[in-house]
């Protein structure tokens, strides 16, 4: 006589089958989603290449180019960018002494400074910082700054582009200046760069005297020629001022429209370390 089939016996056979069906269904859904995503990406890639003829990398870093052997042999997608987005190399405008004197007169008028985005014919921020880095490296090579700065690419900086709310007889884009500030250990550096010419017109360095050339201010002419090389200097020293803790030397430009000055100020910080501030300035006569 056969034993009657109980409900528990049926469930014991059904449970493994049900589990297997669930696993197969999950695998089917996963595979289908992967295939759909792959086909969608391939479709988008075809649309993108047909539209622009260029390959772009998504913000996430995922390349829309299929990763097959033929593609990897012909194109390195590790650092792909749109060449048309790269800025043109900056070429500084040639500015006469007369025009330089007019611009400096506006700067010295004390008008309100207004920050703004670069205009056509002006350096962008990256170009201005690069010019400042190059100046610092050069001055380190002439021993004004510590020698280790001659090979250091400085990135911890702040840079702001300013103009003035002032009417001028020359195009307003010539009035702007980049002010870039660096802090490197105990050294503070501030540079003023003419935005259209690309030249450093003013610089201020504050550092322990142990970091600066010794003896201080022993060769100001050489220092000015290194710091402001675009000025043609005359052989006449305009003046030399000596005040307690201060030394200033001024040189005329060849056409007597401009002058360049270097001023040293010595002081003691917190009653211990001896510091000096050297200021180099292009000024109008």
Protein backbone atom coordinates (compact mmCIF):
# COMPACT_ATOMS: atom_id res chain seq x y z
CA UNK A 1 0.00 0.00 0.00
CA UNK A 2 1.35 3.40 -0.99
CA UNK A 3 1.77 6.09 1.61
CA UNK A 4 -0.42 9.15 0.94
CA UNK A 5 1.53 12.25 -0.28
CA UNK A 6 1.57 14.92 2.33
CA UNK A 7 1.75 18.68 1.87
CA UNK A 8 5.22 18.88 3.40
CA UNK A 9 6.51 16.39 0.83
CA UNK A 10 5.28 18.60 -2.03
CA UNK A 11 6.89 21.71 -0.57
CA UNK A 12 10.18 19.86 -0.15
CA UNK A 13 10.34 19.22 -3.92
CA UNK A 14 9.02 22.64 -4.99
CA UNK A 15 11.44 24.81 -2.96
CA UNK A 16 14.65 23.87 -4.86
CA UNK A 17 12.87 24.38 -8.18
CA UNK A 18 11.57 27.77 -7.10
CA UNK A 19 15.05 28.84 -5.93
CA UNK A 20 16.58 27.76 -9.24
CA UNK A 21 13.92 29.69 -11.18
CA UNK A 22 14.62 32.86 -9.17
CA UNK A 23 18.37 32.56 -9.83
CA UNK A 24 17.82 32.07 -13.56
CA UNK A 25 15.45 35.04 -13.68
CA UNK A 26 17.95 37.28 -11.86
CA UNK A 27 20.73 36.24 -14.23
CA UNK A 28 18.49 36.96 -17.21
CA UNK A 29 17.60 40.44 -15.92
CA UNK A 30 21.27 41.26 -15.18
CA UNK A 31 22.48 40.09 -18.60
CA UNK A 32 19.71 41.93 -20.37
CA UNK A 33 20.48 45.19 -18.53
CA UNK A 34 24.20 44.91 -19.32
CA UNK A 35 23.51 44.27 -23.02
CA UNK A 36 21.05 47.17 -23.16
CA UNK A 37 23.54 49.58 -21.53
CA UNK A 38 26.33 48.49 -23.89
CA UNK A 39 24.14 48.99 -26.94
CA UNK A 40 23.00 52.39 -25.64
CA UNK A 41 26.59 53.56 -25.17
CA UNK A 42 27.51 52.32 -28.63
CA UNK A 43 24.55 54.20 -30.10
CA UNK A 44 25.51 57.42 -28.29
CA UNK A 45 29.11 57.05 -29.44
CA UNK A 46 27.98 56.73 -33.05
CA UNK A 47 25.79 59.80 -32.73
CA UNK A 48 28.57 61.84 -31.09
CA UNK A 49 31.24 60.96 -33.63
CA UNK A 50 28.88 61.53 -36.54
CA UNK A 51 27.93 64.95 -35.18
CA UNK A 52 31.31 66.42 -34.21
CA UNK A 53 34.01 64.17 -35.66
CA UNK A 54 35.86 64.42 -32.30
CA UNK A 55 36.19 62.18 -29.30
CA UNK A 56 35.34 63.58 -25.87
CA UNK A 57 35.80 61.99 -22.48
CA UNK A 58 32.83 62.17 -20.13
CA UNK A 59 33.25 63.99 -16.81
CA UNK A 60 33.29 60.65 -15.01
CA UNK A 61 36.37 59.66 -17.01
CA UNK A 62 34.56 56.87 -18.87
CA UNK A 63 35.51 56.85 -22.54
CA UNK A 64 32.77 56.44 -25.11
CA UNK A 65 35.30 54.68 -27.35
CA UNK A 66 35.06 50.89 -27.28
CA UNK A 67 38.01 49.30 -25.53
CA UNK A 68 39.14 46.92 -28.25
CA UNK A 69 42.68 46.21 -29.36
CA UNK A 70 42.50 48.18 -32.60
CA UNK A 71 41.34 51.33 -30.81
CA UNK A 72 43.99 51.11 -28.10
CA UNK A 73 46.71 50.73 -30.73
CA UNK A 74 45.64 53.81 -32.67
CA UNK A 75 44.59 56.23 -29.93
CA UNK A 76 45.64 56.80 -26.32
CA UNK A 77 42.48 57.92 -24.50
CA UNK A 78 44.15 58.43 -21.12
CA UNK A 79 44.31 62.19 -21.63
CA UNK A 80 41.97 63.17 -24.45
CA UNK A 81 40.84 66.78 -24.78
CA UNK A 82 39.27 69.03 -27.36
CA UNK A 83 42.15 70.92 -28.94
CA UNK A 84 39.84 73.76 -29.91
CA UNK A 85 39.25 74.48 -26.19
CA UNK A 86 42.95 75.21 -25.54
CA UNK A 87 43.69 78.95 -25.16
CA UNK A 88 45.94 80.60 -27.69
CA UNK A 89 49.46 81.38 -26.46
CA UNK A 90 49.57 84.85 -24.90
CA UNK A 91 51.55 87.47 -26.78
CA UNK A 92 52.06 90.64 -24.74
CA UNK A 93 51.21 93.95 -26.33
CA UNK A 94 54.09 96.31 -27.03
CA UNK A 95 53.40 99.43 -24.94
CA UNK A 96 55.32 102.67 -25.38
CA UNK A 97 56.82 104.66 -22.54
CA UNK A 98 54.23 107.41 -23.02
CA UNK A 99 51.34 104.97 -22.77
CA UNK A 100 52.95 103.18 -19.81
CA UNK A 101 53.21 106.51 -18.00
CA UNK A 102 49.50 107.19 -18.68
CA UNK A 103 48.50 103.78 -17.32
CA UNK A 104 50.65 104.23 -14.22
CA UNK A 105 49.11 107.67 -13.65
CA UNK A 106 45.69 105.99 -13.52
CA UNK A 107 46.97 103.30 -11.17
CA UNK A 108 48.42 105.94 -8.86
CA UNK A 109 45.22 108.04 -8.87
CA UNK A 110 43.71 105.88 -6.14
CA UNK A 111 40.52 104.99 -8.02
CA UNK A 112 38.34 102.10 -6.85
CA UNK A 113 39.52 98.66 -7.95
CA UNK A 114 36.96 96.46 -9.69
CA UNK A 115 37.58 92.75 -10.24
CA UNK A 116 36.52 91.30 -13.59
CA UNK A 117 36.98 88.42 -16.02
CA UNK A 118 39.79 88.61 -18.62
CA UNK A 119 38.96 90.51 -21.79
CA UNK A 120 40.29 90.01 -25.30
CA UNK A 121 43.96 90.91 -25.40
CA UNK A 122 44.51 90.16 -21.69
CA UNK A 123 46.20 87.26 -19.92
CA UNK A 124 43.98 84.66 -18.33
CA UNK A 125 44.62 83.48 -14.78
CA UNK A 126 46.76 80.49 -15.75
CA UNK A 127 48.97 82.64 -17.97
CA UNK A 128 49.35 85.29 -15.25
CA UNK A 129 50.33 82.71 -12.62
CA UNK A 130 52.78 81.15 -15.08
CA UNK A 131 54.37 84.57 -15.67
CA UNK A 132 54.63 85.09 -11.91
CA UNK A 133 56.24 81.69 -11.42
CA UNK A 134 58.79 82.44 -14.13
CA UNK A 135 59.64 85.78 -12.49
CA UNK A 136 60.15 84.14 -9.09
CA UNK A 137 62.38 81.43 -10.59
CA UNK A 138 64.47 84.05 -12.36
CA UNK A 139 64.87 86.18 -9.23
CA UNK A 140 65.91 83.06 -7.31
CA UNK A 141 68.61 82.50 -9.90
CA UNK A 142 69.88 86.07 -9.28
CA UNK A 143 69.96 85.39 -5.49
CA UNK A 144 67.19 87.82 -4.54
CA UNK A 145 65.18 84.79 -3.38
CA UNK A 146 66.31 81.42 -1.99
CA UNK A 147 67.83 79.19 -4.66
CA UNK A 148 65.32 76.36 -4.04
CA UNK A 149 62.61 78.56 -5.63
CA UNK A 150 64.46 78.49 -8.95
CA UNK A 151 63.07 75.01 -9.66
CA UNK A 152 59.82 75.11 -7.73
CA UNK A 153 56.50 75.32 -9.60
CA UNK A 154 54.34 77.36 -7.22
CA UNK A 155 50.64 76.59 -7.10
CA UNK A 156 49.51 77.79 -3.67
CA UNK A 157 48.64 81.27 -4.88
CA UNK A 158 45.78 83.75 -5.12
CA UNK A 159 45.23 85.81 -8.27
CA UNK A 160 42.68 88.56 -9.00
CA UNK A 161 42.28 90.67 -12.14
CA UNK A 162 41.44 94.31 -11.43
CA UNK A 163 40.55 97.39 -13.40
CA UNK A 164 39.56 100.87 -12.22
CA UNK A 165 36.35 102.81 -12.52
CA UNK A 166 37.99 105.56 -14.48
CA UNK A 167 37.66 107.11 -17.94
CA UNK A 168 40.80 106.98 -20.03
CA UNK A 169 42.10 108.24 -23.37
CA UNK A 170 43.28 104.73 -24.25
CA UNK A 171 41.37 101.42 -24.63
CA UNK A 172 40.06 100.29 -21.26
CA UNK A 173 41.51 96.76 -21.57
CA UNK A 174 44.98 98.33 -21.14
CA UNK A 175 44.09 99.51 -17.64
CA UNK A 176 43.79 96.08 -16.03
CA UNK A 177 46.33 94.39 -13.77
CA UNK A 178 46.69 90.98 -12.21
CA UNK A 179 47.61 90.99 -8.51
CA UNK A 180 49.10 87.64 -7.54
CA UNK A 181 50.08 86.71 -3.98
CA UNK A 182 52.30 83.82 -2.88
CA UNK A 183 53.12 82.52 0.59
CA UNK A 184 56.09 80.15 0.69
CA UNK A 185 57.16 79.21 4.22
CA UNK A 186 58.30 82.53 5.78
CA UNK A 187 58.34 84.39 2.45
CA UNK A 188 55.48 86.57 1.17
CA UNK A 189 55.53 87.71 -2.45
CA UNK A 190 53.06 90.03 -4.18
CA UNK A 191 53.30 90.71 -7.92
CA UNK A 192 51.43 93.23 -10.05
CA UNK A 193 51.33 92.17 -13.70
CA UNK A 194 50.04 94.37 -16.51
CA UNK A 195 47.28 92.22 -18.00
CA UNK A 196 47.79 93.24 -21.64
CA UNK A 197 51.58 93.52 -21.67
CA UNK A 198 52.28 90.48 -19.50
CA UNK A 199 55.11 92.21 -17.61
CA UNK A 200 55.65 92.51 -13.86
CA UNK A 201 55.45 96.23 -13.09
CA UNK A 202 55.53 95.99 -9.30
CA UNK A 203 56.78 93.42 -6.82
CA UNK A 204 57.01 93.21 -3.05
CA UNK A 205 58.95 90.52 -1.21
CA UNK A 206 58.95 90.10 2.57
CA UNK A 207 61.35 87.53 3.98
CA UNK A 208 63.85 86.88 6.78
CA UNK A 209 67.09 88.69 6.00
CA UNK A 210 68.81 85.31 6.09
CA UNK A 211 66.91 84.41 2.89
CA UNK A 212 67.95 87.57 1.04
CA UNK A 213 71.24 88.49 -0.63
CA UNK A 214 74.03 89.78 1.58
CA UNK A 215 75.05 92.52 1.77
CA UNK A 216 71.57 93.89 1.15
CA UNK A 217 71.06 96.58 -1.52
CA UNK A 218 74.70 96.29 -2.60
CA UNK A 219 73.79 96.14 -6.29
CA UNK A 220 70.38 97.68 -6.84
CA UNK A 221 71.03 98.38 -10.52
CA UNK A 222 71.62 94.72 -11.25
CA UNK A 223 68.52 93.83 -9.21
CA UNK A 224 66.29 96.26 -11.14
CA UNK A 225 67.59 95.10 -14.50
CA UNK A 226 66.74 91.52 -13.55
CA UNK A 227 63.33 92.37 -12.08
CA UNK A 228 62.21 94.87 -14.75
CA UNK A 229 64.22 93.86 -17.84
CA UNK A 230 61.93 95.58 -20.35
CA UNK A 231 63.00 99.07 -19.20
CA UNK A 232 65.97 100.73 -20.89
CA UNK A 233 67.80 102.43 -18.05
CA UNK A 234 69.99 105.49 -18.24
CA UNK A 235 73.33 105.58 -16.47
CA UNK A 236 72.12 108.34 -14.13
CA UNK A 237 70.94 107.41 -10.68
CA UNK A 238 68.09 109.77 -9.83
CA UNK A 239 68.38 109.68 -6.07
CA UNK A 240 69.29 107.62 -3.07
CA UNK A 241 67.35 107.94 0.16
CA UNK A 242 68.62 106.66 3.47
CA UNK A 243 66.27 106.76 6.45
CA UNK A 244 66.40 104.71 9.65
CA UNK A 245 65.85 101.10 8.55
CA UNK A 246 65.12 102.17 4.95
CA UNK A 247 67.20 102.37 1.79
CA UNK A 248 65.79 103.46 -1.59
CA UNK A 249 67.43 103.79 -4.99
CA UNK A 250 65.80 105.26 -8.12
CA UNK A 251 66.88 105.00 -11.75
CA UNK A 252 65.50 106.94 -14.72
CA UNK A 253 64.51 105.24 -17.93
CA UNK A 254 66.42 106.27 -21.02
CA UNK A 255 63.68 108.62 -22.29
CA UNK A 256 63.01 110.05 -18.82
CA UNK A 257 59.29 109.16 -18.97
CA UNK A 258 59.55 106.43 -16.35
CA UNK A 259 61.64 105.55 -13.35
CA UNK A 260 62.31 102.31 -11.54
CA UNK A 261 62.89 102.10 -7.83
CA UNK A 262 63.95 99.53 -5.29
CA UNK A 263 63.33 100.15 -1.61
CA UNK A 264 64.53 98.07 1.33
CA UNK A 265 62.94 98.27 4.77
CA UNK A 266 64.40 96.40 7.73
CA UNK A 267 62.47 95.49 10.88
CA UNK A 268 62.36 92.97 13.68
CA UNK A 269 59.33 90.72 13.95
CA UNK A 270 58.13 89.81 17.45
CA UNK A 271 61.41 91.07 18.88
CA UNK A 272 63.34 88.12 17.44
CA UNK A 273 63.65 87.38 13.73
CA UNK A 274 65.03 90.10 11.51
CA UNK A 275 62.99 90.66 8.37
CA UNK A 276 63.26 92.83 5.28
CA UNK A 277 60.72 94.02 2.73
CA UNK A 278 62.02 94.85 -0.72
CA UNK A 279 59.68 96.75 -3.06
CA UNK A 280 60.40 97.11 -6.76
CA UNK A 281 58.24 99.55 -8.69
CA UNK A 282 57.87 100.95 -12.16
CA UNK A 283 56.69 104.57 -11.78
CA UNK A 284 56.01 107.56 -13.96
CA UNK A 285 58.29 110.56 -13.67
